[in-house]
Protein backbone atom coordinates (compact mmCIF):
# COMPACT_ATOMS: atom_id res chain seq x y z
CA MET A 1 27.64 24.01 6.64
CA PRO A 2 23.96 23.58 5.63
CA ARG A 3 23.55 22.19 2.13
CA PRO A 4 21.68 25.13 0.50
CA TYR A 5 24.26 27.71 1.73
CA ARG A 6 27.12 25.53 0.52
CA CYS A 7 25.54 25.32 -2.93
CA ARG A 8 25.08 29.08 -3.14
CA LEU A 9 28.69 29.69 -2.10
CA SER A 10 30.03 27.28 -4.70
CA LEU A 11 27.92 28.85 -7.42
CA ALA A 12 29.07 32.37 -6.49
CA PHE A 13 32.71 31.24 -6.53
CA LEU A 14 32.32 29.75 -10.01
CA LEU A 15 30.62 32.90 -11.28
CA CYS A 16 33.53 35.01 -10.04
CA ILE A 17 36.04 32.81 -11.89
CA ALA A 18 33.94 32.88 -15.05
CA SER A 19 33.66 36.68 -14.92
CA SER A 20 37.43 37.03 -14.52
CA VAL A 21 38.12 34.75 -17.49
CA LEU A 22 35.57 36.49 -19.70
CA ALA A 23 37.01 39.90 -18.87
CA GLN A 24 40.32 38.79 -20.43
CA GLN A 25 38.71 37.63 -23.71
CA PRO A 26 38.10 39.88 -26.74
CA SER A 27 34.59 41.18 -26.85
CA SER A 28 32.14 39.57 -29.26
CA PRO A 29 28.48 40.11 -30.06
CA PRO A 30 26.22 38.46 -27.49
CA GLN A 31 24.79 35.14 -28.60
CA PRO A 32 21.26 34.11 -27.75
CA HIS A 33 21.22 31.46 -25.02
CA GLN A 34 19.57 28.24 -26.11
CA HIS A 35 17.61 26.21 -23.53
CA PRO A 36 17.37 22.62 -24.70
CA THR A 37 13.99 21.16 -23.94
CA ALA A 38 12.89 17.55 -24.07
CA PRO A 39 10.22 16.88 -26.69
CA PRO A 40 6.79 16.30 -25.20
CA LEU A 41 5.73 12.70 -24.80
CA PRO A 42 3.04 11.59 -27.24
CA ALA A 43 -0.39 10.74 -25.88
CA VAL A 44 -1.15 7.01 -25.97
CA ASP A 45 -3.92 4.75 -24.76
CA GLN A 46 -3.72 4.15 -20.98
CA GLN A 47 -5.72 2.06 -18.55
CA GLN A 48 -5.90 1.33 -14.85
CA VAL A 49 -8.03 -1.15 -12.89
CA LEU A 50 -9.67 -0.84 -9.48
CA ALA A 51 -10.05 -4.35 -8.11
CA TYR A 52 -13.36 -3.91 -6.29
CA TRP A 53 -16.65 -2.04 -6.34
CA THR A 54 -20.03 -3.04 -4.95
CA THR A 55 -23.61 -1.82 -5.12
CA GLU A 56 -24.91 -4.52 -2.79
CA THR A 57 -27.49 -3.59 -0.16
CA GLY A 58 -25.93 -1.53 2.63
CA TRP A 59 -22.87 -0.49 0.59
CA ARG A 60 -22.05 2.60 -1.48
CA SER A 61 -19.12 2.87 -3.89
CA GLU A 62 -17.74 6.21 -5.06
CA LEU A 63 -15.26 6.44 -7.92
CA GLU A 64 -12.86 9.38 -7.44
CA LEU A 65 -10.78 10.60 -10.40
CA ARG A 66 -8.08 13.27 -10.23
CA ASN A 67 -6.44 14.85 -13.28
CA ASN A 68 -2.79 15.34 -12.32
CA MET A 69 -1.97 17.39 -15.41
CA ALA A 70 -1.37 21.12 -14.94
CA ALA A 71 -2.75 22.46 -18.20
CA SER A 72 -4.76 19.83 -20.09
CA ASP A 73 -8.20 18.30 -19.73
CA LEU A 74 -8.38 14.54 -19.36
CA THR A 75 -11.25 12.40 -20.64
CA VAL A 76 -11.72 9.10 -18.79
CA THR A 77 -14.14 6.35 -19.78
CA PRO A 78 -14.91 4.05 -16.83
CA ALA A 79 -16.40 0.60 -17.35
CA LEU A 80 -17.80 -1.68 -14.68
CA ARG A 81 -16.90 -5.35 -14.78
CA THR A 82 -19.10 -7.81 -12.93
CA LEU A 83 -17.81 -10.86 -11.10
CA ASP A 84 -17.91 -12.90 -14.34
CA GLY A 85 -16.05 -10.24 -16.34
CA THR A 86 -19.03 -8.81 -18.20
CA GLU A 87 -18.28 -5.16 -18.95
CA MET A 88 -20.54 -2.10 -19.12
CA PRO A 89 -19.05 1.28 -20.14
CA LEU A 90 -20.21 4.34 -18.21
CA ALA A 91 -20.45 7.83 -19.63
CA PRO A 92 -17.07 9.49 -20.37
CA VAL A 93 -15.87 11.93 -17.69
CA VAL A 94 -14.06 15.16 -18.62
CA ILE A 95 -11.73 16.28 -15.82
CA HIS A 96 -10.14 19.72 -15.88
CA PRO A 97 -6.49 20.22 -14.81
CA GLN A 98 -5.98 19.38 -11.11
CA GLU A 99 -9.72 18.72 -10.75
CA ILE A 100 -11.32 15.79 -8.90
CA LYS A 101 -14.55 14.21 -10.12
CA ILE A 102 -16.60 11.91 -7.87
CA ILE A 103 -19.05 9.41 -9.37
CA ASP A 104 -21.58 7.45 -7.32
CA LEU A 105 -21.56 4.08 -9.06
CA GLU A 106 -25.10 3.04 -8.14
CA SER A 107 -26.47 6.29 -9.55
CA ALA A 108 -24.29 5.84 -12.64
CA VAL A 109 -25.68 2.38 -13.43
CA ILE A 110 -29.26 3.53 -12.82
CA ASP A 111 -28.72 6.53 -15.10
CA GLY A 112 -27.18 4.16 -17.64
CA HIS A 113 -30.36 2.04 -17.58
CA ALA A 114 -28.49 -1.01 -16.35
CA PRO A 115 -30.38 -2.13 -13.22
CA GLN A 116 -28.70 -5.56 -13.46
CA TYR A 117 -25.56 -3.87 -12.09
CA VAL A 118 -27.35 -2.91 -8.86
CA GLY A 119 -26.82 -5.40 -6.06
CA THR A 120 -23.63 -6.90 -7.43
CA TYR A 121 -19.87 -6.35 -7.40
CA GLY A 122 -16.75 -6.61 -9.55
CA SER A 123 -13.89 -4.43 -10.77
CA VAL A 124 -13.60 -1.10 -12.61
CA ILE A 125 -11.44 -0.42 -15.65
CA LEU A 126 -10.53 3.16 -16.58
CA ARG A 127 -9.47 4.01 -20.15
CA TYR A 128 -7.96 7.31 -21.23
CA HIS A 129 -5.54 8.85 -23.75
CA SER A 130 -2.62 10.76 -22.28
CA PRO A 131 1.21 10.92 -22.26
CA SER A 132 1.57 9.06 -18.95
CA ARG A 133 -0.42 6.58 -16.89
CA GLY A 134 0.26 8.80 -13.87
CA ASN A 135 -1.71 11.67 -15.40
CA LEU A 136 -4.73 10.09 -13.70
CA PHE A 137 -4.96 9.27 -9.98
CA PRO A 138 -8.05 7.08 -9.37
CA MET A 139 -9.49 5.39 -6.30
CA VAL A 140 -12.73 3.85 -5.08
CA MET A 141 -14.16 4.64 -1.65
CA ILE A 142 -16.49 1.89 -0.42
CA HIS A 143 -18.75 2.86 2.49
CA ASN A 144 -20.87 0.63 4.72
CA ILE A 145 -23.99 2.76 5.00
CA GLY A 146 -24.94 3.55 8.60
CA HIS A 147 -21.61 2.41 10.02
CA SER A 148 -18.22 4.06 10.35
CA ILE A 149 -16.73 1.47 8.01
CA ALA A 150 -14.99 2.47 4.79
CA PHE A 151 -12.32 1.12 2.47
CA HIS A 152 -9.97 3.08 0.22
CA ILE A 153 -9.13 1.03 -2.91
CA ASP A 154 -6.22 2.18 -5.09
CA ALA A 155 -5.76 1.31 -8.75
CA THR A 156 -3.40 -1.18 -10.31
CA SER A 157 -2.40 -2.18 -13.84
CA GLU A 158 -1.78 -5.45 -15.59
CA GLU A 159 1.86 -6.43 -16.10
CA PRO A 160 2.15 -8.45 -19.32
CA ASP A 161 5.15 -10.47 -18.08
CA PRO A 162 4.29 -14.20 -18.50
CA GLN A 163 6.43 -15.26 -15.50
CA GLN A 164 5.14 -17.05 -12.43
CA GLY A 165 4.75 -15.32 -9.09
CA SER A 166 2.55 -15.10 -6.05
CA LEU A 167 0.61 -12.70 -3.86
CA GLU A 168 1.46 -13.05 -0.17
CA GLY A 169 -0.68 -11.93 2.75
CA ILE A 170 -1.67 -12.42 6.36
CA TRP A 171 -5.18 -13.21 7.54
CA TRP A 172 -6.46 -12.06 10.91
CA LEU A 173 -9.83 -12.79 12.53
CA PRO A 174 -9.81 -10.76 15.76
CA ASN A 175 -13.19 -11.97 17.04
CA ASP A 176 -15.98 -14.42 16.24
CA THR A 177 -18.19 -11.93 14.37
CA ALA A 178 -15.81 -10.17 11.97
CA THR A 179 -16.48 -10.71 8.27
CA ASP A 180 -13.69 -10.93 5.74
CA TYR A 181 -13.64 -10.73 1.94
CA LEU A 182 -10.70 -12.16 0.03
CA LEU A 183 -10.96 -10.85 -3.53
CA LEU A 184 -9.09 -12.34 -6.47
CA THR A 185 -9.26 -10.33 -9.69
CA ASN A 186 -8.02 -11.29 -13.15
CA LEU A 187 -6.85 -8.08 -14.82
CA GLY A 188 -6.21 -9.78 -18.16
CA SER A 189 -8.13 -10.99 -21.18
CA ALA A 190 -7.16 -14.65 -20.77
CA PRO A 191 -8.30 -17.13 -18.09
CA LEU A 192 -6.04 -17.76 -15.09
CA GLN A 193 -5.53 -20.87 -12.99
CA VAL A 194 -4.15 -20.13 -9.51
CA ASP A 195 -3.39 -22.08 -6.35
CA LEU A 196 -4.82 -20.58 -3.15
CA SER A 197 -3.05 -21.72 0.02
CA LEU A 198 -4.09 -20.84 3.55
CA TYR A 199 -1.74 -21.46 6.47
CA ASP A 200 -2.35 -21.51 10.19
CA SER A 201 0.14 -19.70 12.43
CA SER A 202 2.47 -22.69 12.58
CA GLY A 203 2.60 -23.07 8.79
CA HIS A 204 0.22 -25.97 8.20
CA GLU A 205 -1.28 -25.60 4.72
CA ALA A 206 -4.65 -26.11 3.05
CA LYS A 207 -4.57 -25.67 -0.74
CA GLN A 208 -7.18 -25.42 -3.47
CA LYS A 209 -7.21 -24.51 -7.15
CA ILE A 210 -9.14 -21.44 -8.33
CA ALA A 211 -10.14 -20.77 -11.95
CA LEU A 212 -10.55 -17.11 -12.90
CA ASP A 213 -12.17 -16.27 -16.21
CA ALA A 214 -10.91 -13.30 -18.21
CA LYS A 215 -11.56 -10.00 -16.34
CA ALA A 216 -13.42 -11.91 -13.61
CA THR A 217 -13.48 -11.40 -9.83
CA ASP A 218 -13.88 -14.12 -7.22
CA ARG A 219 -14.85 -13.19 -3.65
CA LEU A 220 -14.08 -15.70 -0.92
CA SER A 221 -14.20 -15.78 2.87
CA VAL A 222 -11.11 -16.88 4.77
CA ARG A 223 -13.29 -17.73 7.77
CA GLN A 224 -15.44 -20.07 5.70
CA LEU A 225 -12.40 -21.62 4.01
CA LEU A 226 -10.81 -22.30 7.39
CA ARG A 227 -13.93 -24.08 8.58
CA ALA A 228 -14.01 -26.18 5.40
CA THR A 229 -10.35 -27.16 5.60
CA GLY A 230 -10.06 -27.77 9.33
CA LEU A 231 -7.43 -25.11 9.99
CA SER A 232 -7.86 -23.12 13.19
CA GLY A 233 -6.54 -20.07 15.00
CA THR A 234 -7.01 -16.32 14.71
CA PHE A 235 -4.21 -15.50 12.25
CA GLY A 236 -2.04 -17.10 9.61
CA GLY A 237 -0.83 -16.78 6.04
CA ILE A 238 -2.22 -16.45 2.51
CA LYS A 239 -0.44 -17.43 -0.71
CA ILE A 240 -2.04 -17.01 -4.15
CA PHE A 241 0.30 -18.62 -6.67
CA ALA A 242 0.02 -18.08 -10.41
CA PRO A 243 2.21 -20.49 -12.41
CA THR A 244 2.10 -18.08 -15.36
CA HIS A 245 1.07 -14.47 -16.04
CA ALA A 246 1.27 -13.49 -12.38
CA GLY A 247 1.14 -9.84 -13.43
CA SER A 248 -2.49 -10.33 -14.45
CA LEU A 249 -3.52 -11.23 -10.89
CA THR A 250 -4.39 -8.86 -8.06
CA SER A 251 -6.01 -9.36 -4.68
CA LEU A 252 -7.56 -7.48 -1.77
CA HIS A 253 -8.36 -8.69 1.74
CA LEU A 254 -11.04 -6.66 3.56
CA LEU A 255 -11.99 -7.18 7.21
CA PHE A 256 -14.98 -5.56 8.93
CA ASP A 257 -17.35 -5.90 11.87
CA GLU A 258 -20.49 -3.77 11.85
CA LYS A 259 -21.16 -4.21 15.58
CA ALA A 260 -17.68 -3.04 16.53
CA SER A 261 -17.41 -0.55 13.63
CA LEU A 262 -14.12 -2.25 12.72
CA SER A 263 -12.67 -1.99 9.23
CA ALA A 264 -9.20 -3.06 8.18
CA LEU A 265 -7.55 -3.50 4.80
CA MET A 266 -5.00 -6.31 5.17
CA LYS A 267 -2.14 -5.57 2.79
CA ILE A 268 -1.27 -8.08 0.07
CA PHE A 269 2.34 -8.18 -1.19
CA ASP A 270 3.56 -9.07 -4.70
CA TYR A 271 6.29 -11.72 -4.57
CA ASN A 272 8.52 -12.33 -7.57
CA PRO A 273 11.09 -15.07 -6.86
CA SER A 274 13.51 -13.61 -9.43
CA THR A 275 13.72 -10.17 -7.76
CA ARG A 276 17.20 -9.32 -6.47
CA LEU A 277 17.84 -7.35 -3.30
CA GLU A 278 19.70 -4.56 -5.11
CA GLU A 279 16.61 -3.88 -7.22
CA ARG A 280 14.59 -2.97 -4.13
CA ASP A 281 17.25 -1.82 -1.66
CA TYR A 282 16.44 1.85 -2.18
CA ALA A 283 18.22 2.95 1.00
CA HIS A 284 21.36 0.90 0.17
CA THR A 285 21.32 -0.95 3.50
CA ASN A 286 22.25 -4.31 1.89
CA VAL A 287 19.53 -6.03 3.90
CA TRP A 288 15.84 -6.57 3.20
CA THR A 289 14.04 -3.96 5.28
CA LEU A 290 10.36 -3.25 5.89
CA ARG A 291 9.13 -0.20 7.81
CA ALA A 292 5.83 0.67 9.46
CA PRO A 293 5.82 4.44 10.00
CA VAL A 294 3.22 5.20 12.68
CA LEU A 295 2.15 2.41 15.03
CA ALA A 296 -0.15 3.73 17.77
CA LEU A 297 1.04 2.38 21.13
CA SER A 298 -0.90 1.32 24.22
CA HIS A 299 -1.69 4.83 25.47
CA PRO A 300 -2.84 6.68 22.35
CA ASP A 301 -1.91 10.22 21.47
CA PRO A 302 -4.65 12.68 22.62
CA ALA A 303 -4.67 13.95 19.03
CA LEU A 304 -6.54 10.77 18.04
CA ALA A 305 -9.48 11.98 20.19
CA PHE A 306 -10.29 8.53 21.53
CA PRO A 307 -12.37 8.42 24.73
CA GLU A 308 -10.39 9.03 27.89
CA GLY A 309 -8.97 5.82 29.29
CA THR A 310 -8.80 4.01 25.94
CA VAL A 311 -6.02 1.42 25.98
CA LEU A 312 -4.85 0.00 22.65
CA ARG A 313 -3.32 -3.39 21.94
CA PRO A 314 -0.54 -2.75 19.42
CA GLN A 315 0.65 -5.87 17.65
CA LEU A 316 2.62 -7.01 14.63
CA PHE A 317 2.00 -10.04 12.45
CA VAL A 318 5.18 -11.25 10.74
CA ARG A 319 5.07 -14.08 8.18
CA ASN A 320 7.64 -16.25 6.44
CA ALA A 321 6.40 -16.78 2.87
CA LEU A 322 8.94 -19.54 2.09
CA ALA A 323 9.48 -23.21 2.92
CA LYS A 324 12.79 -22.51 4.70
CA PRO A 325 13.45 -20.84 8.09
CA VAL A 326 14.34 -17.15 8.27
CA ASN A 327 15.71 -14.86 11.01
CA ILE A 328 13.92 -11.62 11.90
CA THR A 329 15.12 -8.55 13.80
CA LEU A 330 12.86 -5.72 14.97
CA ARG A 331 13.68 -2.27 16.25
CA PHE A 332 11.55 0.73 17.21
CA ASN A 333 11.79 4.50 17.04
CA TRP A 334 9.33 5.82 19.63
CA ARG A 335 8.04 9.21 20.67
CA ASN A 336 5.63 10.95 23.00
CA ALA A 337 4.70 14.60 23.49
CA SER A 338 8.06 15.57 24.97
CA ALA A 339 10.68 12.96 24.03
CA SER A 340 11.75 10.41 21.46
CA GLY A 341 14.23 7.59 21.28
CA LYS A 342 15.19 4.20 19.90
CA ALA A 343 14.68 0.72 21.30
CA ALA A 344 15.83 -2.71 20.22
CA GLY A 345 13.00 -5.13 19.64
CA PRO A 346 12.95 -8.91 19.73
CA ALA A 347 14.90 -11.09 17.32
CA PHE A 348 13.42 -14.47 16.41
CA ARG A 349 13.44 -17.27 13.87
CA LEU A 350 10.40 -18.15 11.78
CA GLY A 351 9.86 -21.70 10.57
CA PRO A 352 8.60 -22.54 7.08
CA TYR A 353 5.39 -20.59 6.30
CA GLU A 354 5.08 -19.61 9.98
CA THR A 355 3.29 -16.43 11.08
CA ARG A 356 4.30 -14.87 14.41
CA ARG A 357 2.32 -12.36 16.48
CA VAL A 358 4.47 -9.80 18.30
CA ASP A 359 2.68 -8.19 21.27
CA VAL A 360 4.08 -4.65 21.25
CA GLY A 361 1.95 -3.71 24.26
CA ALA A 362 3.75 -6.42 26.26
CA LEU A 363 7.07 -4.86 25.22
CA GLN A 364 5.89 -1.62 26.81
CA THR A 365 4.82 -3.45 29.97
CA ALA A 366 8.31 -5.01 30.13
CA ASN A 367 9.91 -1.57 29.63
CA MET A 368 11.54 -2.56 26.33
CA LEU A 369 9.57 0.44 25.04
CA PRO A 370 8.64 3.35 27.32
CA LYS A 371 5.19 2.94 28.82
CA ASN A 372 4.35 6.60 28.11
CA ALA A 373 5.33 6.45 24.43
CA ASN A 374 2.39 7.23 22.13
CA TRP A 375 3.81 6.27 18.74
CA ALA A 376 6.51 4.08 17.26
CA SER A 377 7.87 3.43 13.81
CA VAL A 378 8.88 -0.18 13.33
CA VAL A 379 11.89 -1.36 11.31
CA LEU A 380 12.00 -5.05 10.36
CA THR A 381 15.12 -6.58 8.82
CA THR A 382 15.90 -10.06 7.56
CA SER A 383 18.67 -11.72 5.62
CA GLY A 384 16.18 -12.91 2.99
CA LEU A 385 15.22 -11.48 -0.39
CA PRO A 386 12.38 -9.00 -1.10
CA ASP A 387 8.92 -10.10 0.05
CA GLU A 388 10.09 -13.46 1.41
CA VAL A 389 8.99 -11.98 4.74
CA VAL A 390 5.82 -9.86 4.93
CA ALA A 391 4.26 -8.03 7.87
CA VAL A 392 1.21 -6.04 8.91
CA ALA A 393 0.54 -4.00 12.06
CA ALA A 394 -2.67 -3.31 13.95
CA SER A 395 -3.49 -1.39 17.11
CA TYR A 396 -7.06 -1.57 18.43
CA ASP A 397 -8.68 -1.50 21.83
CA GLU A 398 -10.44 -4.49 23.38
CA THR A 399 -13.75 -3.61 21.70
CA LEU A 400 -12.09 -3.12 18.26
CA ARG A 401 -14.01 0.16 17.99
CA TYR A 402 -10.99 2.43 18.44
CA GLY A 403 -7.68 1.95 16.75
CA ALA A 404 -5.62 2.24 13.61
CA GLN A 405 -3.52 0.29 11.16
CA THR A 406 -0.14 1.06 9.67
CA PRO A 407 1.15 -0.73 6.58
CA PHE A 408 4.67 -2.07 6.24
CA SER A 409 6.48 -0.93 3.12
CA ASP A 410 9.94 -1.02 1.60
CA GLN A 411 9.39 2.30 -0.22
CA LEU A 412 8.63 4.54 2.75
CA ALA A 413 11.70 6.73 2.59
CA PHE A 414 11.21 8.64 -0.61
CA HIS A 415 8.08 10.77 -0.29
CA TRP A 416 6.54 12.16 2.88
CA VAL A 417 3.30 14.16 2.51
CA GLY A 418 4.33 15.49 -0.86
CA SER A 419 7.86 16.53 0.12
CA LEU A 420 11.05 14.79 -0.91
CA TRP A 421 13.03 13.07 1.82
CA GLU A 422 16.24 11.06 1.82
CA TYR A 423 16.77 8.02 4.03
CA ASP A 424 19.65 8.14 6.49
CA ALA A 425 20.44 4.44 6.87
CA GLN A 426 23.02 5.06 9.59
CA HIS A 427 20.58 6.78 11.94
CA ASP A 428 17.25 5.24 10.81
CA SER A 429 15.88 8.68 10.05
CA LEU A 430 14.58 10.73 7.20
CA ILE A 431 16.49 13.85 6.15
CA THR A 432 14.77 16.63 4.26
CA ALA A 433 16.46 17.71 1.05
CA GLY A 434 16.08 21.38 1.84
CA ASN A 435 16.43 22.27 5.50
CA GLY A 436 18.48 19.53 7.11
CA GLY A 437 15.66 18.48 9.45
CA THR A 438 14.99 14.89 10.38
CA LYS A 439 11.92 12.76 11.00
CA PRO A 440 12.21 9.38 12.73
CA MET A 441 11.43 6.30 10.71
């Protein structure tokens, strides 16, 4: 019986019993029904940080602010921080309920008579007074003028926990001309000392110490660091270790190629060695699971409107962030215009700090995945703890002009385009809370 009908039937049955009982009781004057309501939360000072903006030549940064409240205005005061942490407040922005305000940052610094902020970069801090941090949804859109290159930067917040931790990532240099920016941002008001380690695909390490002043941003190039350290290859690992106050550190890794019109945001994962599996096992699978929802396969869906004959090269990069081996299992849920199904993927063992490339296109050629499948969701499981294994996915054609990325996440199963879903761990599918439909993972 569908869930909504069952609920209505149970409610009607209870109402019938209640009516029968009440009919046998002596009548009494009706009492007003009291609806207990939770007291409203008090407004307090809030802040969020966007780890990157730039007004350098050829780039445009737009700050987008959305007021999530249904009935109250929200006043936000942005401030730009330069790479050394120097801060310049911008004019306060009043945002009406459910409204979005867009601010061109170059115009804002010119209007604020601060030309020294043109041609530089840093982070943005947003201050506001409201009951919840989530009352504001901010982001920065960074555009490469004249090219179809853009980056969507979401906000983060400082965690005051003094514990150690690291940020774990994967670097990828798909050709000889791609540029990459590795950004390290100190969200806090105290200096940070961090260890930056780069690994080649086999796990060989090159390490250096980085000093970050309070509120400062450091922008590095993985390509240049590889040349300086003697590491080689086209992909590998990144570890940014903070021996204390790891919650004050954030990082972004941007990859772009103007000639190919390639832009990719390589996801960075927070790793806390004290995190237990049950704290992050939202689907109650008892195994660390990462999911990539929509990997474009070799023959792209016509809905992507790529030129006829475009062939993509779907691939996964899977990295072991620890100094001990770990076992990995992959599986796929695929679909095309007329069919869908499941397929077992490869299982393999990663050595210490190793990064492995999985050629998903070759799996299609070998018929492990149907050759005519357009999309696949990828499920990665390991016996390790949260974020000891990290992964990213990319699917581009030979020119790198056409393609898409899909991030791996452990929190995929709870919200899908604004609607609530529940994860069905037995069938690797998502079940809607209202109509009993399913969507493959």
